[in-house]
Every structure is written in C-alpha cells, then in structure tokens.
C-alpha cells in the first residue's frame, strides 16, 4: 500500500507540473531514446542501488506504451522500467539521474523510450518497416514486443516526440542498437536516414538536437557483437552533430557462465549505470558549449 501511495504521489506531482505550463517550458529538457534490448533495459531493478532508481520529481518519463495500469502519452516521475512493464533497468534511468544531479535546480529532465528487444534497425524505418515487422511478428515473442508500439516503433517515437514538444524542448536523441545488425556496413546509412526523418517529422534542427549512439559490449569483454563497434564509430562521418558513447570496460551479464543462461549481449547492472552516465557526460559537455 505504501508503494502504491508513493507512486500515486509522484504521478500527481508530474501532472501538476505539466499543467503549470500552457507553453513549452524551456527549462524542461526532453530526450527521445530508441533501439533494441540494451536500450529497452535488461538490468535488475531490484538489485540496482537505491540512488540510481529512486523517484525524483525533476526526472520525468513519458509513457510510450499502454501496459498494466500505465497509459500511453502520460507523464510520470521516472522509475524503472521505462520502456514497458516487461523491460528492466536501463541506461536511460542512469542518464536522467546523472543529468539532474549536474544541471541547475530549475532544469527538469524528461525522457521517452521506444525500444524492441532483438529488433533490427529496420524496425525504425519510417516507410519500409512493414515487411520486416510482418516477418518477425510471426513469432509470439515479437508479437508482444511490437504490439506495445502498435507494430510501428518509428511512428510511436514520433507520436511521443510531438507530445514532448507540447511541454518542453527536445534536447537530444539517444540510440543503442546494432547487435542485430552486427557487421552490416550500411548500418550508418540506415541510422542517418532514421535520424533525418525524426528531425523532419518533428521539425527539429539537427544543429540543436544531437544524436548520441552507444557502443555494444566490446569483444575483449566477451561481447558477441563487439565487431560492430568499428561500424558504430563511423557514425560521426555520416551524421553531423553525432557522438559515439564508449562501452569500453563494461561487462556483459552472464557471458562466462557455461549454461543455457549465457548472455554475451546485454550489459551487467553496473554496466547500464556506467553507460547511461557516459551518455549523460557527453550531453552535459554538449550543453555547456
């Protein structure tokens, strides 16, 4: 009962805050986040230290999916999981909390996450997504994951972006994806096309809205898709005002266990915190210019 009352209290705070502004608040910095499972978040919420998951009225989350008592398009104080109820602790949790620790008190931070575990970058293609989505949703797992976003993740991201612009200013776009496209040389072009479509559809200026792209787990740490980092690091050559966030030294969850639970793709709980804070450090650097 105490937990439910606390959640209700913070939800009320978020609602009152947002109703205060008839016009977008320049001190409400909002970030759009998309990708696959590592952006969705696979970390353990229960095992994450309290300081990295405690609700704070300066860090708000725009719900991107209807699920178990949470309505799409509603703002709430950010508590993990952010993507949807089947997700876990993710890098955006740590990202937002690092920002509010470092930014002036009058600045509030918002985020919305649209992420599909196991998806190819084509899931976020504005016009050519349908063939890919139709193929993968033949599997029950993807039916549910894609169903959260109406089988159109890009469209949901834009929908949430439009909601975000009503109350604040979109300051950046975060991407973590690539494990499913590991080694594909055209990946940077796919990302460029998606980013440019987001800017166009939300009437954003690329000079003012950077793209931050995270590396996957490095090969020397046991990452099964580590070779893709060579391609990820080419992104700044394709997209002006884009930045690569290093995952160097971050461990996978269970890569060295010799059983069926072996996982060489997803970051450890600590890894999500460190990676999210690295995204935040880069964003703070950009904001200070």
C-alpha atoms as a PDB file:
ATOM      1  CA  UNK A   1       0.000   0.000   0.000  1.00  0.00           C
ATOM      2  CA  UNK A   2       2.851   2.367   0.869  1.00  0.00           C
ATOM      3  CA  UNK A   3       4.489   1.775  -2.528  1.00  0.00           C
ATOM      4  CA  UNK A   4       1.225   2.422  -4.375  1.00  0.00           C
ATOM      5  CA  UNK A   5       0.657   5.645  -2.421  1.00  0.00           C
ATOM      6  CA  UNK A   6       4.192   6.810  -3.187  1.00  0.00           C
ATOM      7  CA  UNK A   7       3.769   6.157  -6.907  1.00  0.00           C
ATOM      8  CA  UNK A   8       0.414   7.978  -6.873  1.00  0.00           C
ATOM      9  CA  UNK A   9       2.019  10.916  -5.060  1.00  0.00           C
ATOM     10  CA  UNK A  10       4.786  11.305  -7.629  1.00  0.00           C
ATOM     11  CA  UNK A  11       2.344  10.828 -10.506  1.00  0.00           C
ATOM     12  CA  UNK A  12       0.307  13.700  -9.076  1.00  0.00           C
ATOM     13  CA  UNK A  13       3.423  15.865  -8.861  1.00  0.00           C
ATOM     14  CA  UNK A  14       4.203  15.148 -12.514  1.00  0.00           C
ATOM     15  CA  UNK A  15       0.645  16.005 -13.577  1.00  0.00           C
ATOM     16  CA  UNK A  16       0.599  19.259 -11.622  1.00  0.00           C
ATOM     17  CA  UNK A  17       3.998  20.240 -13.010  1.00  0.00           C
ATOM     18  CA  UNK A  18       2.941  19.702 -16.596  1.00  0.00           C
ATOM     19  CA  UNK A  19      -0.380  21.515 -16.192  1.00  0.00           C
ATOM     20  CA  UNK A  20       1.502  24.571 -14.929  1.00  0.00           C
ATOM     21  CA  UNK A  21       2.784  25.379 -18.417  1.00  0.00           C
ATOM     22  CA  UNK A  22       0.467  26.432 -21.232  1.00  0.00           C
ATOM     23  CA  UNK A  23       3.527  26.819 -23.463  1.00  0.00           C
ATOM     24  CA  UNK A  24       6.583  24.555 -23.759  1.00  0.00           C
ATOM     25  CA  UNK A  25       8.889  25.140 -20.819  1.00  0.00           C
ATOM     26  CA  UNK A  26      12.466  25.916 -21.972  1.00  0.00           C
ATOM     27  CA  UNK A  27      13.720  24.509 -18.677  1.00  0.00           C
ATOM     28  CA  UNK A  28      12.166  21.110 -19.346  1.00  0.00           C
ATOM     29  CA  UNK A  29      14.823  19.194 -21.320  1.00  0.00           C
ATOM     30  CA  UNK A  30      13.448  16.110 -23.068  1.00  0.00           C
ATOM     31  CA  UNK A  31      15.253  13.194 -24.728  1.00  0.00           C
ATOM     32  CA  UNK A  32      13.965  10.634 -27.215  1.00  0.00           C
ATOM     33  CA  UNK A  33      15.526   7.184 -26.817  1.00  0.00           C
ATOM     34  CA  UNK A  34      15.200   4.229 -29.175  1.00  0.00           C
ATOM     35  CA  UNK A  35      16.889   0.948 -30.020  1.00  0.00           C
ATOM     36  CA  UNK A  36      16.770  -2.719 -29.137  1.00  0.00           C
ATOM     37  CA  UNK A  37      17.205  -4.706 -25.916  1.00  0.00           C
ATOM     38  CA  UNK A  38      20.024  -2.728 -24.317  1.00  0.00           C
ATOM     39  CA  UNK A  39      18.011   0.462 -24.755  1.00  0.00           C
ATOM     40  CA  UNK A  40      14.907  -1.337 -23.559  1.00  0.00           C
ATOM     41  CA  UNK A  41      16.840  -2.248 -20.408  1.00  0.00           C
ATOM     42  CA  UNK A  42      17.647  -5.753 -19.181  1.00  0.00           C
ATOM     43  CA  UNK A  43      19.097  -4.868 -15.802  1.00  0.00           C
ATOM     44  CA  UNK A  44      17.668  -5.992 -12.481  1.00  0.00           C
ATOM     45  CA  UNK A  45      15.565  -3.247 -10.913  1.00  0.00           C
ATOM     46  CA  UNK A  46      15.627  -4.933  -7.509  1.00  0.00           C
ATOM     47  CA  UNK A  47      19.421  -5.327  -7.477  1.00  0.00           C
ATOM     48  CA  UNK A  48      20.155  -1.761  -8.585  1.00  0.00           C
ATOM     49  CA  UNK A  49      21.333   0.583  -5.831  1.00  0.00           C
ATOM     50  CA  UNK A  50      18.619   2.853  -4.434  1.00  0.00           C
ATOM     51  CA  UNK A  51      20.361   6.065  -5.510  1.00  0.00           C
ATOM     52  CA  UNK A  52      20.076   5.024  -9.165  1.00  0.00           C
ATOM     53  CA  UNK A  53      16.356   4.259  -9.160  1.00  0.00           C
ATOM     54  CA  UNK A  54      14.716   6.489  -6.529  1.00  0.00           C
ATOM     55  CA  UNK A  55      11.946   8.715  -7.860  1.00  0.00           C
ATOM     56  CA  UNK A  56      12.805  12.400  -8.208  1.00  0.00           C
ATOM     57  CA  UNK A  57      10.273  14.995  -9.343  1.00  0.00           C
ATOM     58  CA  UNK A  58      12.909  16.602 -11.602  1.00  0.00           C
ATOM     59  CA  UNK A  59      13.204  13.456 -13.752  1.00  0.00           C
ATOM     60  CA  UNK A  60      10.019  12.607 -15.652  1.00  0.00           C
ATOM     61  CA  UNK A  61       9.102   9.836 -18.068  1.00  0.00           C
ATOM     62  CA  UNK A  62       6.639   9.948 -20.968  1.00  0.00           C
ATOM     63  CA  UNK A  63       4.919   6.559 -21.165  1.00  0.00           C
ATOM     64  CA  UNK A  64       5.276   5.207 -24.716  1.00  0.00           C
ATOM     65  CA  UNK A  65       3.117   2.080 -24.390  1.00  0.00           C
ATOM     66  CA  UNK A  66      -0.171   1.018 -22.839  1.00  0.00           C
ATOM     67  CA  UNK A  67       0.560  -1.709 -20.312  1.00  0.00           C
ATOM     68  CA  UNK A  68      -0.704  -2.809 -16.900  1.00  0.00           C
ATOM     69  CA  UNK A  69      -2.091   0.401 -15.493  1.00  0.00           C
ATOM     70  CA  UNK A  70       0.145   2.748 -17.480  1.00  0.00           C
ATOM     71  CA  UNK A  71      -1.385   4.765 -20.302  1.00  0.00           C
ATOM     72  CA  UNK A  72       0.484   5.824 -23.416  1.00  0.00           C
ATOM     73  CA  UNK A  73       1.150   9.558 -23.615  1.00  0.00           C
ATOM     74  CA  UNK A  74       1.046  10.185 -19.858  1.00  0.00           C
ATOM     75  CA  UNK A  75       3.889  11.740 -17.929  1.00  0.00           C
ATOM     76  CA  UNK A  76       5.029  10.328 -14.604  1.00  0.00           C
ATOM     77  CA  UNK A  77       8.012  10.639 -12.335  1.00  0.00           C
ATOM     78  CA  UNK A  78      10.628   8.269 -13.773  1.00  0.00           C
ATOM     79  CA  UNK A  79      11.058   4.930 -12.038  1.00  0.00           C
ATOM     80  CA  UNK A  80      12.335   1.808 -13.805  1.00  0.00           C
ATOM     81  CA  UNK A  81      11.393   0.111 -16.024  1.00  0.00           C
ATOM     82  CA  UNK A  82      10.869   2.940 -18.502  1.00  0.00           C
ATOM     83  CA  UNK A  83      10.259   1.205 -21.850  1.00  0.00           C
ATOM     84  CA  UNK A  84       7.365  -1.024 -20.732  1.00  0.00           C
ATOM     85  CA  UNK A  85       6.480  -3.403 -17.911  1.00  0.00           C
ATOM     86  CA  UNK A  86       8.453  -6.327 -19.385  1.00  0.00           C
ATOM     87  CA  UNK A  87      11.678  -4.315 -19.528  1.00  0.00           C
ATOM     88  CA  UNK A  88      14.252  -3.849 -16.761  1.00  0.00           C
ATOM     89  CA  UNK A  89      16.674  -1.238 -15.529  1.00  0.00           C
ATOM     90  CA  UNK A  90      18.262   0.559 -18.470  1.00  0.00           C
ATOM     91  CA  UNK A  91      20.774   3.186 -19.407  1.00  0.00           C
ATOM     92  CA  UNK A  92      18.156   5.971 -19.656  1.00  0.00           C
ATOM     93  CA  UNK A  93      17.453   5.562 -15.928  1.00  0.00           C
ATOM     94  CA  UNK A  94      21.075   6.389 -15.120  1.00  0.00           C
ATOM     95  CA  UNK A  95      21.255   9.023 -17.868  1.00  0.00           C
ATOM     96  CA  UNK A  96      18.391  11.087 -16.477  1.00  0.00           C
ATOM     97  CA  UNK A  97      19.531  10.866 -12.878  1.00  0.00           C
ATOM     98  CA  UNK A  98      23.060  11.973 -13.736  1.00  0.00           C
ATOM     99  CA  UNK A  99      21.680  14.982 -15.621  1.00  0.00           C
ATOM    100  CA  UNK A 100      19.511  16.202 -12.748  1.00  0.00           C
ATOM    101  CA  UNK A 101      22.451  15.826 -10.353  1.00  0.00           C
ATOM    102  CA  UNK A 102      24.610  18.052 -12.517  1.00  0.00           C
ATOM    103  CA  UNK A 103      22.187  20.561 -14.072  1.00  0.00           C
ATOM    104  CA  UNK A 104      20.823  23.636 -12.239  1.00  0.00           C
ATOM    105  CA  UNK A 105      17.828  23.033  -9.959  1.00  0.00           C
ATOM    106  CA  UNK A 106      15.456  24.893 -12.278  1.00  0.00           C
ATOM    107  CA  UNK A 107      16.100  22.347 -15.055  1.00  0.00           C
ATOM    108  CA  UNK A 108      13.874  19.284 -15.221  1.00  0.00           C
ATOM    109  CA  UNK A 109      14.659  16.291 -17.439  1.00  0.00           C
ATOM    110  CA  UNK A 110      12.208  14.139 -19.358  1.00  0.00           C
ATOM    111  CA  UNK A 111      12.655  11.006 -21.457  1.00  0.00           C
ATOM    112  CA  UNK A 112      10.604   8.627 -23.542  1.00  0.00           C
ATOM    113  CA  UNK A 113      11.846   5.192 -24.599  1.00  0.00           C
ATOM    114  CA  UNK A 114      10.736   3.190 -27.646  1.00  0.00           C
ATOM    115  CA  UNK A 115      12.776   0.001 -27.790  1.00  0.00           C
ATOM    116  CA  UNK A 116      12.196  -3.527 -29.050  1.00  0.00           C
ATOM    117  CA  UNK A 117      14.323  -6.365 -27.733  1.00  0.00           C
ATOM    118  CA  UNK A 118      16.063  -8.248 -30.543  1.00  0.00           C
ATOM    119  CA  UNK A 119      14.981  -5.908 -33.320  1.00  0.00           C
ATOM    120  CA  UNK A 120      16.840  -4.968 -36.479  1.00  0.00           C
ATOM    121  CA  UNK A 121      17.427  -1.272 -37.229  1.00  0.00           C
ATOM    122  CA  UNK A 122      14.794  -1.630 -39.970  1.00  0.00           C
ATOM    123  CA  UNK A 123      12.122  -1.752 -37.270  1.00  0.00           C
ATOM    124  CA  UNK A 124      12.603   2.031 -37.060  1.00  0.00           C
ATOM    125  CA  UNK A 125      12.494   2.683 -40.797  1.00  0.00           C
ATOM    126  CA  UNK A 126       9.744   5.209 -41.455  1.00  0.00           C
ATOM    127  CA  UNK A 127       8.410   3.722 -44.679  1.00  0.00           C
ATOM    128  CA  UNK A 128       9.927   0.266 -45.158  1.00  0.00           C
ATOM    129  CA  UNK A 129       9.342  -1.142 -41.680  1.00  0.00           C
ATOM    130  CA  UNK A 130       6.244  -3.179 -42.531  1.00  0.00           C
ATOM    131  CA  UNK A 131       7.922  -6.077 -44.357  1.00  0.00           C
ATOM    132  CA  UNK A 132      10.409  -6.562 -41.520  1.00  0.00           C
ATOM    133  CA  UNK A 133       7.757  -6.225 -38.819  1.00  0.00           C
ATOM    134  CA  UNK A 134       5.424  -8.644 -40.591  1.00  0.00           C
ATOM    135  CA  UNK A 135       8.204 -11.223 -40.772  1.00  0.00           C
ATOM    136  CA  UNK A 136       9.365 -11.083 -37.162  1.00  0.00           C
ATOM    137  CA  UNK A 137       5.879 -10.905 -35.669  1.00  0.00           C
ATOM    138  CA  UNK A 138       5.275 -14.429 -36.891  1.00  0.00           C
ATOM    139  CA  UNK A 139       6.988 -15.250 -33.587  1.00  0.00           C
ATOM    140  CA  UNK A 140       4.901 -14.801 -30.427  1.00  0.00           C
ATOM    141  CA  UNK A 141       7.754 -13.027 -28.664  1.00  0.00           C
ATOM    142  CA  UNK A 142       7.867 -10.234 -31.215  1.00  0.00           C
ATOM    143  CA  UNK A 143       4.088 -10.010 -31.478  1.00  0.00           C
ATOM    144  CA  UNK A 144       4.005  -8.769 -27.905  1.00  0.00           C
ATOM    145  CA  UNK A 145       7.081  -6.554 -28.142  1.00  0.00           C
ATOM    146  CA  UNK A 146       5.934  -4.874 -31.364  1.00  0.00           C
ATOM    147  CA  UNK A 147       2.384  -4.764 -30.070  1.00  0.00           C
ATOM    148  CA  UNK A 148       3.442  -2.332 -27.372  1.00  0.00           C
ATOM    149  CA  UNK A 149       4.098   0.197 -30.132  1.00  0.00           C
ATOM    150  CA  UNK A 150       1.222  -0.583 -32.466  1.00  0.00           C
ATOM    151  CA  UNK A 151       3.617  -2.587 -34.686  1.00  0.00           C
ATOM    152  CA  UNK A 152       5.159   0.726 -35.789  1.00  0.00           C
ATOM    153  CA  UNK A 153       8.009   1.760 -33.446  1.00  0.00           C
ATOM    154  CA  UNK A 154       9.063   4.743 -35.561  1.00  0.00           C
ATOM    155  CA  UNK A 155       5.528   6.092 -35.611  1.00  0.00           C
ATOM    156  CA  UNK A 156       5.266   5.725 -31.836  1.00  0.00           C
ATOM    157  CA  UNK A 157       8.563   7.572 -31.358  1.00  0.00           C
ATOM    158  CA  UNK A 158       7.275  10.473 -33.448  1.00  0.00           C
ATOM    159  CA  UNK A 159       3.957  10.441 -31.598  1.00  0.00           C
ATOM    160  CA  UNK A 160       5.802  10.714 -28.288  1.00  0.00           C
ATOM    161  CA  UNK A 161       8.082  13.397 -29.702  1.00  0.00           C
ATOM    162  CA  UNK A 162       5.070  15.530 -30.591  1.00  0.00           C
ATOM    163  CA  UNK A 163       3.695  15.095 -27.083  1.00  0.00           C
ATOM    164  CA  UNK A 164       7.075  16.069 -25.665  1.00  0.00           C
ATOM    165  CA  UNK A 165       7.208  19.281 -27.681  1.00  0.00           C
ATOM    166  CA  UNK A 166       3.925  20.428 -26.145  1.00  0.00           C
ATOM    167  CA  UNK A 167       5.510  20.797 -22.725  1.00  0.00           C
ATOM    168  CA  UNK A 168       9.259  21.090 -23.180  1.00  0.00           C
ATOM    169  CA  UNK A 169      12.231  21.207 -25.531  1.00  0.00           C
ATOM    170  CA  UNK A 170      13.754  18.139 -27.191  1.00  0.00           C
ATOM    171  CA  UNK A 171      17.454  18.402 -26.450  1.00  0.00           C
ATOM    172  CA  UNK A 172      18.784  15.166 -27.876  1.00  0.00           C
ATOM    173  CA  UNK A 173      18.167  11.725 -29.331  1.00  0.00           C
ATOM    174  CA  UNK A 174      19.699   8.590 -27.822  1.00  0.00           C
ATOM    175  CA  UNK A 175      20.255   5.357 -29.737  1.00  0.00           C
ATOM    176  CA  UNK A 176      21.533   1.971 -28.658  1.00  0.00           C
ATOM    177  CA  UNK A 177      21.180  -0.678 -31.333  1.00  0.00           C
ATOM    178  CA  UNK A 178      23.380  -2.791 -33.560  1.00  0.00           C
ATOM    179  CA  UNK A 179      23.647  -6.256 -32.057  1.00  0.00           C
ATOM    180  CA  UNK A 180      21.063  -7.488 -34.554  1.00  0.00           C
ATOM    181  CA  UNK A 181      22.892  -5.756 -37.425  1.00  0.00           C
ATOM    182  CA  UNK A 182      26.393  -6.705 -36.378  1.00  0.00           C
ATOM    183  CA  UNK A 183      28.884  -6.255 -39.196  1.00  0.00           C
ATOM    184  CA  UNK A 184      26.458  -4.607 -41.652  1.00  0.00           C
ATOM    185  CA  UNK A 185      28.419  -1.869 -43.393  1.00  0.00           C
ATOM    186  CA  UNK A 186      25.263   0.010 -44.424  1.00  0.00           C
ATOM    187  CA  UNK A 187      24.144   0.407 -40.816  1.00  0.00           C
ATOM    188  CA  UNK A 188      25.350   4.035 -40.519  1.00  0.00           C
ATOM    189  CA  UNK A 189      23.284   4.957 -43.576  1.00  0.00           C
ATOM    190  CA  UNK A 190      20.212   3.313 -42.051  1.00  0.00           C
ATOM    191  CA  UNK A 191      20.729   5.300 -38.849  1.00  0.00           C
ATOM    192  CA  UNK A 192      21.288   8.509 -40.805  1.00  0.00           C
ATOM    193  CA  UNK A 193      18.003   8.033 -42.652  1.00  0.00           C
ATOM    194  CA  UNK A 194      16.084   7.421 -39.415  1.00  0.00           C
ATOM    195  CA  UNK A 195      17.661  10.403 -37.654  1.00  0.00           C
ATOM    196  CA  UNK A 196      16.940  12.738 -40.559  1.00  0.00           C
ATOM    197  CA  UNK A 197      13.327  11.560 -40.697  1.00  0.00           C
ATOM    198  CA  UNK A 198      12.935  12.203 -36.968  1.00  0.00           C
ATOM    199  CA  UNK A 199      14.268  15.736 -37.386  1.00  0.00           C
ATOM    200  CA  UNK A 200      11.956  16.390 -40.324  1.00  0.00           C
ATOM    201  CA  UNK A 201       8.819  14.887 -38.796  1.00  0.00           C
ATOM    202  CA  UNK A 202       9.297  16.745 -35.511  1.00  0.00           C
ATOM    203  CA  UNK A 203      10.518  19.963 -37.125  1.00  0.00           C
ATOM    204  CA  UNK A 204      13.812  19.827 -35.238  1.00  0.00           C
ATOM    205  CA  UNK A 205      17.125  21.449 -36.105  1.00  0.00           C
ATOM    206  CA  UNK A 206      19.976  18.949 -36.305  1.00  0.00           C
ATOM    207  CA  UNK A 207      22.417  21.619 -35.122  1.00  0.00           C
ATOM    208  CA  UNK A 208      20.450  21.836 -31.884  1.00  0.00           C
ATOM    209  CA  UNK A 209      19.453  18.186 -31.396  1.00  0.00           C
ATOM    210  CA  UNK A 210      22.468  15.852 -31.310  1.00  0.00           C
ATOM    211  CA  UNK A 211      22.383  12.100 -31.821  1.00  0.00           C
ATOM    212  CA  UNK A 212      24.185  10.042 -29.176  1.00  0.00           C
ATOM    213  CA  UNK A 213      24.937   6.450 -30.196  1.00  0.00           C
ATOM    214  CA  UNK A 214      26.283   3.871 -27.774  1.00  0.00           C
ATOM    215  CA  UNK A 215      28.751   1.095 -28.478  1.00  0.00           C
ATOM    216  CA  UNK A 216      27.826  -2.535 -27.897  1.00  0.00           C
ATOM    217  CA  UNK A 217      29.835  -4.700 -25.487  1.00  0.00           C
ATOM    218  CA  UNK A 218      33.455  -4.932 -26.631  1.00  0.00           C
ATOM    219  CA  UNK A 219      34.812  -8.222 -27.920  1.00  0.00           C
ATOM    220  CA  UNK A 220      37.588  -8.303 -25.317  1.00  0.00           C
ATOM    221  CA  UNK A 221      34.886  -8.201 -22.629  1.00  0.00           C
ATOM    222  CA  UNK A 222      33.178 -11.188 -24.227  1.00  0.00           C
ATOM    223  CA  UNK A 223      30.644  -9.269 -26.292  1.00  0.00           C
ATOM    224  CA  UNK A 224      29.263 -11.435 -29.084  1.00  0.00           C
ATOM    225  CA  UNK A 225      28.607  -8.424 -31.343  1.00  0.00           C
ATOM    226  CA  UNK A 226      31.732  -6.459 -30.467  1.00  0.00           C
ATOM    227  CA  UNK A 227      32.932  -6.258 -34.078  1.00  0.00           C
ATOM    228  CA  UNK A 228      30.047  -3.906 -34.789  1.00  0.00           C
ATOM    229  CA  UNK A 229      31.749  -1.159 -32.779  1.00  0.00           C
ATOM    230  CA  UNK A 230      34.019  -0.476 -35.753  1.00  0.00           C
ATOM    231  CA  UNK A 231      30.907   0.417 -37.734  1.00  0.00           C
ATOM    232  CA  UNK A 232      29.254   2.335 -34.894  1.00  0.00           C
ATOM    233  CA  UNK A 233      32.326   4.533 -34.607  1.00  0.00           C
ATOM    234  CA  UNK A 234      31.874   5.660 -38.210  1.00  0.00           C
ATOM    235  CA  UNK A 235      28.577   7.384 -37.370  1.00  0.00           C
ATOM    236  CA  UNK A 236      30.108  10.897 -36.938  1.00  0.00           C
ATOM    237  CA  UNK A 237      31.358  10.691 -40.534  1.00  0.00           C
ATOM    238  CA  UNK A 238      27.778  10.237 -41.728  1.00  0.00           C
ATOM    239  CA  UNK A 239      25.852  12.476 -39.338  1.00  0.00           C
ATOM    240  CA  UNK A 240      26.874  15.988 -38.262  1.00  0.00           C
ATOM    241  CA  UNK A 241      26.384  16.637 -34.539  1.00  0.00           C
ATOM    242  CA  UNK A 242      26.515  12.950 -33.649  1.00  0.00           C
ATOM    243  CA  UNK A 243      28.611  11.322 -30.950  1.00  0.00           C
ATOM    244  CA  UNK A 244      29.640   7.783 -30.058  1.00  0.00           C
ATOM    245  CA  UNK A 245      29.425   6.743 -26.410  1.00  0.00           C
ATOM    246  CA  UNK A 246      32.114   4.251 -25.428  1.00  0.00           C
ATOM    247  CA  UNK A 247      31.261   0.982 -23.702  1.00  0.00           C
ATOM    248  CA  UNK A 248      34.919   0.170 -23.065  1.00  0.00           C
ATOM    249  CA  UNK A 249      35.470  -1.912 -19.950  1.00  0.00           C
ATOM    250  CA  UNK A 250      31.800  -2.723 -19.414  1.00  0.00           C
ATOM    251  CA  UNK A 251      30.948  -6.351 -18.769  1.00  0.00           C
ATOM    252  CA  UNK A 252      28.108  -8.473 -20.125  1.00  0.00           C
ATOM    253  CA  UNK A 253      25.590 -10.037 -17.773  1.00  0.00           C
ATOM    254  CA  UNK A 254      26.465 -13.720 -17.877  1.00  0.00           C
ATOM    255  CA  UNK A 255      28.860 -14.271 -20.737  1.00  0.00           C
ATOM    256  CA  UNK A 256      31.166 -16.622 -18.895  1.00  0.00           C
ATOM    257  CA  UNK A 257      28.581 -18.981 -17.431  1.00  0.00           C
ATOM    258  CA  UNK A 258      28.608 -22.351 -19.148  1.00  0.00           C
ATOM    259  CA  UNK A 259      24.869 -22.952 -19.101  1.00  0.00           C
ATOM    260  CA  UNK A 260      21.772 -22.057 -21.074  1.00  0.00           C
ATOM    261  CA  UNK A 261      21.557 -18.688 -19.289  1.00  0.00           C
ATOM    262  CA  UNK A 262      24.725 -17.466 -21.001  1.00  0.00           C
ATOM    263  CA  UNK A 263      24.300 -13.850 -22.142  1.00  0.00           C
ATOM    264  CA  UNK A 264      27.066 -12.075 -24.070  1.00  0.00           C
ATOM    265  CA  UNK A 265      24.890  -9.263 -25.454  1.00  0.00           C
ATOM    266  CA  UNK A 266      23.353  -7.421 -22.505  1.00  0.00           C
ATOM    267  CA  UNK A 267      25.228  -5.227 -20.060  1.00  0.00           C
ATOM    268  CA  UNK A 268      25.529  -6.047 -16.384  1.00  0.00           C
ATOM    269  CA  UNK A 269      23.507  -4.000 -13.899  1.00  0.00           C
ATOM    270  CA  UNK A 270      26.576  -1.883 -13.180  1.00  0.00           C
ATOM    271  CA  UNK A 271      27.244  -1.595 -16.906  1.00  0.00           C
ATOM    272  CA  UNK A 272      23.871   0.038 -17.550  1.00  0.00           C
ATOM    273  CA  UNK A 273      24.588   2.637 -14.880  1.00  0.00           C
ATOM    274  CA  UNK A 274      28.055   3.449 -16.191  1.00  0.00           C
ATOM    275  CA  UNK A 275      26.951   3.551 -19.827  1.00  0.00           C
ATOM    276  CA  UNK A 276      23.960   5.759 -19.017  1.00  0.00           C
ATOM    277  CA  UNK A 277      26.203   8.146 -17.124  1.00  0.00           C
ATOM    278  CA  UNK A 278      28.603   8.253 -20.077  1.00  0.00           C
ATOM    279  CA  UNK A 279      25.702   9.316 -22.285  1.00  0.00           C
ATOM    280  CA  UNK A 280      24.913  11.988 -19.686  1.00  0.00           C
ATOM    281  CA  UNK A 281      28.527  13.171 -19.500  1.00  0.00           C
ATOM    282  CA  UNK A 282      28.581  13.709 -23.253  1.00  0.00           C
ATOM    283  CA  UNK A 283      25.247  15.533 -23.155  1.00  0.00           C
ATOM    284  CA  UNK A 284      26.456  17.775 -20.332  1.00  0.00           C
ATOM    285  CA  UNK A 285      29.536  18.572 -22.389  1.00  0.00           C
ATOM    286  CA  UNK A 286      27.345  19.496 -25.366  1.00  0.00           C
ATOM    287  CA  UNK A 287      25.019  21.638 -23.241  1.00  0.00           C
ATOM    288  CA  UNK A 288      27.957  23.551 -21.793  1.00  0.00           C
ATOM    289  CA  UNK A 289      29.127  24.782 -25.201  1.00  0.00           C
END
